[in-house]
Amino acid sequence: MTDGLHRVREIAMLLPEAEERTSHGQPTFFVAGKQFAQFRADHHGDALTVVCVRTSGADEQAMLLDAAPDVYRKPAYLGPSGWVSIDLSGSDVDWTLVEDRIARSWELAAPRRLLEAGGR
């Protein structure tokens, strides 16, 4: 778990104006006050270690869930808003995919001024 959180934190905090705060007891990453990633370990006893990230909406969420059900899940509480969680369990985590999804989530939450300035 600690390694997963360390890696997620390292990826998220490299993004412009990212900040970390605790939200609902979980390490959560924000840009301009909007949440873009949340690390969860055994959230409400589910025995999973995941990072939750934004998608562009229900269509992208459904596509990801259908295309890779072993990687993506619909997370509790955030799922109805179009978020997905990425499984960080095991030794075969695709950290390039995790990095890309966290960065994409940041782009969906970031204010226009950051995106126009070149974003990430």
N, C-alpha and C. Protein backbone atom coordinates (compact mmCIF):
# COMPACT_ATOMS: atom_id res chain seq x y z
N MET A 1 0.82 -1.19 0.00
CA MET A 1 0.00 0.00 0.00
C MET A 1 0.86 1.25 0.00
N THR A 2 1.85 1.31 0.87
CA THR A 2 2.69 2.49 0.98
C THR A 2 3.38 2.79 -0.35
N ASP A 3 3.87 1.74 -1.03
CA ASP A 3 4.52 1.95 -2.31
C ASP A 3 3.54 2.53 -3.33
N GLY A 4 2.31 2.01 -3.35
CA GLY A 4 1.29 2.53 -4.26
C GLY A 4 0.99 3.98 -3.99
N LEU A 5 0.79 4.33 -2.73
CA LEU A 5 0.53 5.73 -2.38
C LEU A 5 1.71 6.60 -2.75
N HIS A 6 2.91 6.13 -2.48
CA HIS A 6 4.11 6.90 -2.82
C HIS A 6 4.16 7.18 -4.32
N ARG A 7 3.90 6.15 -5.13
CA ARG A 7 3.95 6.32 -6.59
C ARG A 7 2.85 7.26 -7.08
N VAL A 8 1.63 7.08 -6.57
CA VAL A 8 0.52 7.95 -6.97
C VAL A 8 0.83 9.39 -6.58
N ARG A 9 1.32 9.59 -5.38
CA ARG A 9 1.66 10.94 -4.90
C ARG A 9 2.74 11.55 -5.79
N GLU A 10 3.74 10.78 -6.12
CA GLU A 10 4.83 11.27 -6.96
C GLU A 10 4.31 11.72 -8.33
N ILE A 11 3.42 10.94 -8.92
CA ILE A 11 2.85 11.26 -10.23
C ILE A 11 1.97 12.51 -10.13
N ALA A 12 1.07 12.52 -9.16
CA ALA A 12 0.11 13.63 -9.04
C ALA A 12 0.78 14.95 -8.71
N MET A 13 1.76 14.93 -7.83
CA MET A 13 2.36 16.17 -7.36
C MET A 13 3.30 16.81 -8.38
N LEU A 14 3.62 16.10 -9.45
CA LEU A 14 4.42 16.69 -10.53
C LEU A 14 3.57 17.57 -11.45
N LEU A 15 2.26 17.44 -11.36
CA LEU A 15 1.36 18.21 -12.21
C LEU A 15 1.23 19.64 -11.69
N PRO A 16 1.11 20.62 -12.59
CA PRO A 16 1.05 22.02 -12.18
C PRO A 16 -0.06 22.30 -11.16
N GLU A 17 0.32 23.01 -10.12
CA GLU A 17 -0.59 23.49 -9.08
C GLU A 17 -1.34 22.38 -8.35
N ALA A 18 -0.82 21.16 -8.39
CA ALA A 18 -1.46 20.06 -7.66
C ALA A 18 -1.22 20.24 -6.17
N GLU A 19 -2.22 19.87 -5.39
CA GLU A 19 -2.07 19.86 -3.95
C GLU A 19 -2.73 18.61 -3.40
N GLU A 20 -2.23 18.16 -2.28
CA GLU A 20 -2.78 16.97 -1.63
C GLU A 20 -3.47 17.38 -0.34
N ARG A 21 -4.68 16.86 -0.18
CA ARG A 21 -5.43 17.02 1.06
C ARG A 21 -6.15 15.71 1.33
N THR A 22 -6.53 15.52 2.57
CA THR A 22 -7.32 14.35 2.92
C THR A 22 -8.78 14.67 2.67
N SER A 23 -9.47 13.76 2.00
CA SER A 23 -10.90 13.88 1.78
C SER A 23 -11.55 12.55 2.12
N HIS A 24 -12.49 12.59 3.03
CA HIS A 24 -13.16 11.37 3.50
C HIS A 24 -12.15 10.33 3.98
N GLY A 25 -11.07 10.81 4.60
CA GLY A 25 -10.05 9.94 5.16
C GLY A 25 -9.05 9.39 4.17
N GLN A 26 -9.13 9.82 2.91
CA GLN A 26 -8.27 9.28 1.86
C GLN A 26 -7.35 10.37 1.31
N PRO A 27 -6.10 10.03 0.96
CA PRO A 27 -5.22 11.00 0.30
C PRO A 27 -5.83 11.38 -1.05
N THR A 28 -6.08 12.67 -1.24
CA THR A 28 -6.79 13.15 -2.42
C THR A 28 -6.02 14.31 -3.02
N PHE A 29 -6.03 14.37 -4.35
CA PHE A 29 -5.24 15.36 -5.08
C PHE A 29 -6.17 16.31 -5.82
N PHE A 30 -5.85 17.60 -5.72
CA PHE A 30 -6.69 18.67 -6.24
C PHE A 30 -5.87 19.60 -7.14
N VAL A 31 -6.57 20.26 -8.06
CA VAL A 31 -6.02 21.36 -8.83
C VAL A 31 -7.11 22.44 -8.83
N ALA A 32 -6.74 23.63 -8.41
CA ALA A 32 -7.68 24.76 -8.35
C ALA A 32 -8.96 24.39 -7.61
N GLY A 33 -8.80 23.62 -6.54
CA GLY A 33 -9.94 23.25 -5.70
C GLY A 33 -10.77 22.09 -6.20
N LYS A 34 -10.44 21.54 -7.38
CA LYS A 34 -11.18 20.41 -7.93
C LYS A 34 -10.38 19.13 -7.77
N GLN A 35 -11.05 18.11 -7.31
CA GLN A 35 -10.42 16.81 -7.11
C GLN A 35 -10.12 16.16 -8.46
N PHE A 36 -8.90 15.60 -8.59
CA PHE A 36 -8.58 14.88 -9.82
C PHE A 36 -8.09 13.46 -9.58
N ALA A 37 -7.74 13.11 -8.36
CA ALA A 37 -7.33 11.73 -8.07
C ALA A 37 -7.50 11.47 -6.57
N GLN A 38 -7.83 10.22 -6.26
CA GLN A 38 -7.93 9.83 -4.86
C GLN A 38 -7.37 8.43 -4.70
N PHE A 39 -6.45 8.28 -3.75
CA PHE A 39 -5.87 6.98 -3.44
C PHE A 39 -6.75 6.32 -2.38
N ARG A 40 -7.07 5.05 -2.59
CA ARG A 40 -7.88 4.31 -1.63
C ARG A 40 -7.22 2.97 -1.33
N ALA A 41 -7.10 2.67 -0.05
CA ALA A 41 -6.58 1.37 0.39
C ALA A 41 -7.57 0.79 1.39
N ASP A 42 -8.19 -0.31 1.01
CA ASP A 42 -9.17 -0.99 1.86
C ASP A 42 -10.29 -0.02 2.27
N HIS A 43 -10.75 0.75 1.30
CA HIS A 43 -11.80 1.75 1.53
C HIS A 43 -13.08 1.05 1.97
N HIS A 44 -13.53 1.36 3.15
CA HIS A 44 -14.72 0.74 3.75
C HIS A 44 -14.64 -0.79 3.73
N GLY A 45 -13.43 -1.33 3.91
CA GLY A 45 -13.24 -2.78 4.01
C GLY A 45 -13.35 -3.54 2.71
N ASP A 46 -13.13 -2.88 1.56
CA ASP A 46 -13.26 -3.58 0.28
C ASP A 46 -12.02 -4.38 -0.12
N ALA A 47 -10.93 -4.28 0.67
CA ALA A 47 -9.68 -5.03 0.45
C ALA A 47 -8.98 -4.67 -0.86
N LEU A 48 -9.33 -3.54 -1.47
CA LEU A 48 -8.71 -3.11 -2.71
C LEU A 48 -7.76 -1.95 -2.48
N THR A 49 -6.73 -1.86 -3.30
CA THR A 49 -5.85 -0.70 -3.34
C THR A 49 -5.99 -0.14 -4.75
N VAL A 50 -6.52 1.09 -4.84
CA VAL A 50 -6.84 1.69 -6.13
C VAL A 50 -6.51 3.17 -6.13
N VAL A 51 -6.46 3.74 -7.32
CA VAL A 51 -6.48 5.19 -7.48
C VAL A 51 -7.72 5.49 -8.31
N CYS A 52 -8.52 6.44 -7.85
CA CYS A 52 -9.72 6.86 -8.56
C CYS A 52 -9.39 8.10 -9.37
N VAL A 53 -9.86 8.12 -10.62
CA VAL A 53 -9.59 9.24 -11.52
C VAL A 53 -10.85 9.59 -12.30
N ARG A 54 -10.89 10.83 -12.77
CA ARG A 54 -12.00 11.31 -13.59
C ARG A 54 -11.94 10.69 -14.99
N THR A 55 -13.11 10.60 -15.60
CA THR A 55 -13.19 10.34 -17.04
C THR A 55 -13.96 11.52 -17.63
N SER A 56 -14.08 11.55 -18.93
CA SER A 56 -14.81 12.64 -19.57
C SER A 56 -16.32 12.50 -19.42
N GLY A 57 -16.77 11.36 -18.92
CA GLY A 57 -18.20 11.16 -18.70
C GLY A 57 -18.58 9.69 -18.77
N ALA A 58 -19.87 9.46 -18.77
CA ALA A 58 -20.41 8.10 -18.70
C ALA A 58 -19.96 7.23 -19.88
N ASP A 59 -19.85 7.81 -21.08
CA ASP A 59 -19.44 7.01 -22.25
C ASP A 59 -18.01 6.51 -22.10
N GLU A 60 -17.10 7.39 -21.72
CA GLU A 60 -15.70 6.96 -21.54
C GLU A 60 -15.59 5.98 -20.38
N GLN A 61 -16.31 6.24 -19.30
CA GLN A 61 -16.31 5.33 -18.16
C GLN A 61 -16.74 3.93 -18.59
N ALA A 62 -17.85 3.83 -19.31
CA ALA A 62 -18.36 2.53 -19.77
C ALA A 62 -17.37 1.85 -20.70
N MET A 63 -16.74 2.62 -21.59
CA MET A 63 -15.77 2.05 -22.52
C MET A 63 -14.58 1.45 -21.77
N LEU A 64 -14.08 2.17 -20.78
CA LEU A 64 -12.94 1.67 -20.00
C LEU A 64 -13.33 0.42 -19.20
N LEU A 65 -14.49 0.45 -18.57
CA LEU A 65 -14.95 -0.70 -17.77
C LEU A 65 -15.14 -1.93 -18.65
N ASP A 66 -15.67 -1.75 -19.86
CA ASP A 66 -15.88 -2.87 -20.78
C ASP A 66 -14.56 -3.38 -21.36
N ALA A 67 -13.66 -2.45 -21.70
CA ALA A 67 -12.42 -2.82 -22.38
C ALA A 67 -11.43 -3.53 -21.45
N ALA A 68 -11.39 -3.16 -20.19
CA ALA A 68 -10.39 -3.73 -19.28
C ALA A 68 -10.97 -3.90 -17.87
N PRO A 69 -11.90 -4.84 -17.71
CA PRO A 69 -12.52 -5.03 -16.39
C PRO A 69 -11.56 -5.52 -15.32
N ASP A 70 -10.40 -6.03 -15.72
CA ASP A 70 -9.40 -6.47 -14.75
C ASP A 70 -8.56 -5.30 -14.24
N VAL A 71 -8.64 -4.15 -14.92
CA VAL A 71 -7.88 -2.96 -14.54
C VAL A 71 -8.78 -1.91 -13.90
N TYR A 72 -9.94 -1.66 -14.51
CA TYR A 72 -10.83 -0.58 -14.09
C TYR A 72 -12.05 -1.12 -13.34
N ARG A 73 -12.50 -0.33 -12.38
CA ARG A 73 -13.74 -0.61 -11.66
C ARG A 73 -14.52 0.69 -11.52
N LYS A 74 -15.80 0.56 -11.23
CA LYS A 74 -16.63 1.73 -10.93
C LYS A 74 -16.56 1.94 -9.43
N PRO A 75 -15.91 3.01 -8.98
CA PRO A 75 -15.70 3.18 -7.54
C PRO A 75 -16.95 3.63 -6.80
N ALA A 76 -17.05 3.20 -5.56
CA ALA A 76 -18.13 3.65 -4.69
C ALA A 76 -18.07 5.17 -4.57
N TYR A 77 -19.22 5.79 -4.53
CA TYR A 77 -19.39 7.23 -4.33
C TYR A 77 -18.99 8.06 -5.56
N LEU A 78 -17.84 7.83 -6.13
CA LEU A 78 -17.38 8.62 -7.27
C LEU A 78 -17.85 8.06 -8.61
N GLY A 79 -18.18 6.79 -8.64
CA GLY A 79 -18.60 6.13 -9.88
C GLY A 79 -19.77 6.78 -10.58
N PRO A 80 -20.83 7.16 -9.85
CA PRO A 80 -21.96 7.80 -10.52
C PRO A 80 -21.60 9.13 -11.20
N SER A 81 -20.49 9.72 -10.82
CA SER A 81 -20.04 10.97 -11.44
C SER A 81 -19.11 10.72 -12.63
N GLY A 82 -18.95 9.46 -13.03
CA GLY A 82 -18.14 9.15 -14.20
C GLY A 82 -16.69 8.82 -13.90
N TRP A 83 -16.36 8.61 -12.65
CA TRP A 83 -14.98 8.26 -12.29
C TRP A 83 -14.77 6.76 -12.46
N VAL A 84 -13.50 6.35 -12.58
CA VAL A 84 -13.12 4.95 -12.55
C VAL A 84 -12.00 4.78 -11.52
N SER A 85 -11.86 3.57 -11.04
CA SER A 85 -10.71 3.27 -10.20
C SER A 85 -9.82 2.30 -10.96
N ILE A 86 -8.52 2.44 -10.72
CA ILE A 86 -7.51 1.58 -11.34
C ILE A 86 -6.91 0.74 -10.25
N ASP A 87 -6.92 -0.56 -10.46
CA ASP A 87 -6.41 -1.50 -9.47
C ASP A 87 -4.89 -1.38 -9.36
N LEU A 88 -4.41 -1.15 -8.14
CA LEU A 88 -2.97 -1.03 -7.90
C LEU A 88 -2.43 -2.25 -7.16
N SER A 89 -3.25 -3.29 -7.03
CA SER A 89 -2.84 -4.51 -6.34
C SER A 89 -1.90 -5.32 -7.23
N GLY A 90 -1.04 -6.04 -6.61
CA GLY A 90 -0.17 -6.94 -7.35
C GLY A 90 1.10 -6.27 -7.83
N SER A 91 1.94 -7.06 -8.45
CA SER A 91 3.25 -6.57 -8.89
C SER A 91 3.27 -6.19 -10.36
N ASP A 92 2.17 -6.42 -11.08
CA ASP A 92 2.16 -6.15 -12.52
C ASP A 92 1.36 -4.89 -12.88
N VAL A 93 1.38 -3.90 -11.99
CA VAL A 93 0.67 -2.65 -12.25
C VAL A 93 1.32 -1.94 -13.43
N ASP A 94 0.51 -1.47 -14.37
CA ASP A 94 1.00 -0.72 -15.51
C ASP A 94 1.09 0.75 -15.09
N TRP A 95 2.26 1.13 -14.55
CA TRP A 95 2.42 2.48 -14.01
C TRP A 95 2.41 3.55 -15.10
N THR A 96 2.72 3.18 -16.33
CA THR A 96 2.60 4.14 -17.44
C THR A 96 1.13 4.48 -17.66
N LEU A 97 0.27 3.47 -17.62
CA LEU A 97 -1.17 3.69 -17.73
C LEU A 97 -1.68 4.54 -16.57
N VAL A 98 -1.25 4.23 -15.35
CA VAL A 98 -1.67 4.98 -14.17
C VAL A 98 -1.26 6.44 -14.32
N GLU A 99 -0.03 6.67 -14.73
CA GLU A 99 0.45 8.04 -14.91
C GLU A 99 -0.38 8.79 -15.95
N ASP A 100 -0.68 8.13 -17.06
CA ASP A 100 -1.47 8.75 -18.12
C ASP A 100 -2.88 9.08 -17.64
N ARG A 101 -3.51 8.16 -16.91
CA ARG A 101 -4.88 8.39 -16.45
C ARG A 101 -4.93 9.49 -15.39
N ILE A 102 -3.94 9.56 -14.51
CA ILE A 102 -3.90 10.64 -13.52
C ILE A 102 -3.72 11.98 -14.23
N ALA A 103 -2.83 12.03 -15.22
CA ALA A 103 -2.61 13.27 -15.96
C ALA A 103 -3.86 13.67 -16.74
N ARG A 104 -4.53 12.71 -17.34
CA ARG A 104 -5.77 13.01 -18.08
C ARG A 104 -6.84 13.52 -17.11
N SER A 105 -6.92 12.94 -15.95
CA SER A 105 -7.87 13.38 -14.93
C SER A 105 -7.56 14.81 -14.50
N TRP A 106 -6.27 15.11 -14.33
CA TRP A 106 -5.84 16.48 -14.00
C TRP A 106 -6.32 17.44 -15.08
N GLU A 107 -6.14 17.07 -16.35
CA GLU A 107 -6.57 17.92 -17.46
C GLU A 107 -8.08 18.19 -17.41
N LEU A 108 -8.86 17.20 -17.01
CA LEU A 108 -10.31 17.37 -16.94
C LEU A 108 -10.72 18.29 -15.79
N ALA A 109 -9.88 18.40 -14.77
CA ALA A 109 -10.20 19.23 -13.60
C ALA A 109 -9.52 20.60 -13.64
N ALA A 110 -8.44 20.73 -14.37
CA ALA A 110 -7.63 21.95 -14.36
C ALA A 110 -8.37 23.13 -14.99
N PRO A 111 -8.11 24.32 -14.46
CA PRO A 111 -8.72 25.50 -15.07
C PRO A 111 -8.12 25.80 -16.44
N ARG A 112 -8.89 26.48 -17.25
CA ARG A 112 -8.49 26.80 -18.62
C ARG A 112 -7.13 27.50 -18.68
N ARG A 113 -6.86 28.39 -17.71
CA ARG A 113 -5.60 29.14 -17.74
C ARG A 113 -4.39 28.21 -17.68
N LEU A 114 -4.48 27.10 -16.96
CA LEU A 114 -3.37 26.14 -16.92
C LEU A 114 -3.26 25.38 -18.23
N LEU A 115 -4.39 25.02 -18.79
CA LEU A 115 -4.38 24.29 -20.06
C LEU A 115 -3.85 25.17 -21.19
N GLU A 116 -4.26 26.43 -21.19
CA GLU A 116 -3.80 27.36 -22.23
C GLU A 116 -2.32 27.69 -22.08
N ALA A 117 -1.81 27.56 -20.88
CA ALA A 117 -0.38 27.84 -20.62
C ALA A 117 0.49 26.64 -20.97
N GLY A 118 -0.10 25.59 -21.50
CA GLY A 118 0.69 24.44 -21.88
C GLY A 118 0.40 23.21 -21.03
N GLY A 119 -0.41 23.38 -19.99
CA GLY A 119 -0.81 22.24 -19.18
C GLY A 119 0.35 21.50 -18.56
N ARG A 120 0.31 20.22 -18.73
CA ARG A 120 1.33 19.37 -18.11
C ARG A 120 2.55 19.21 -18.95
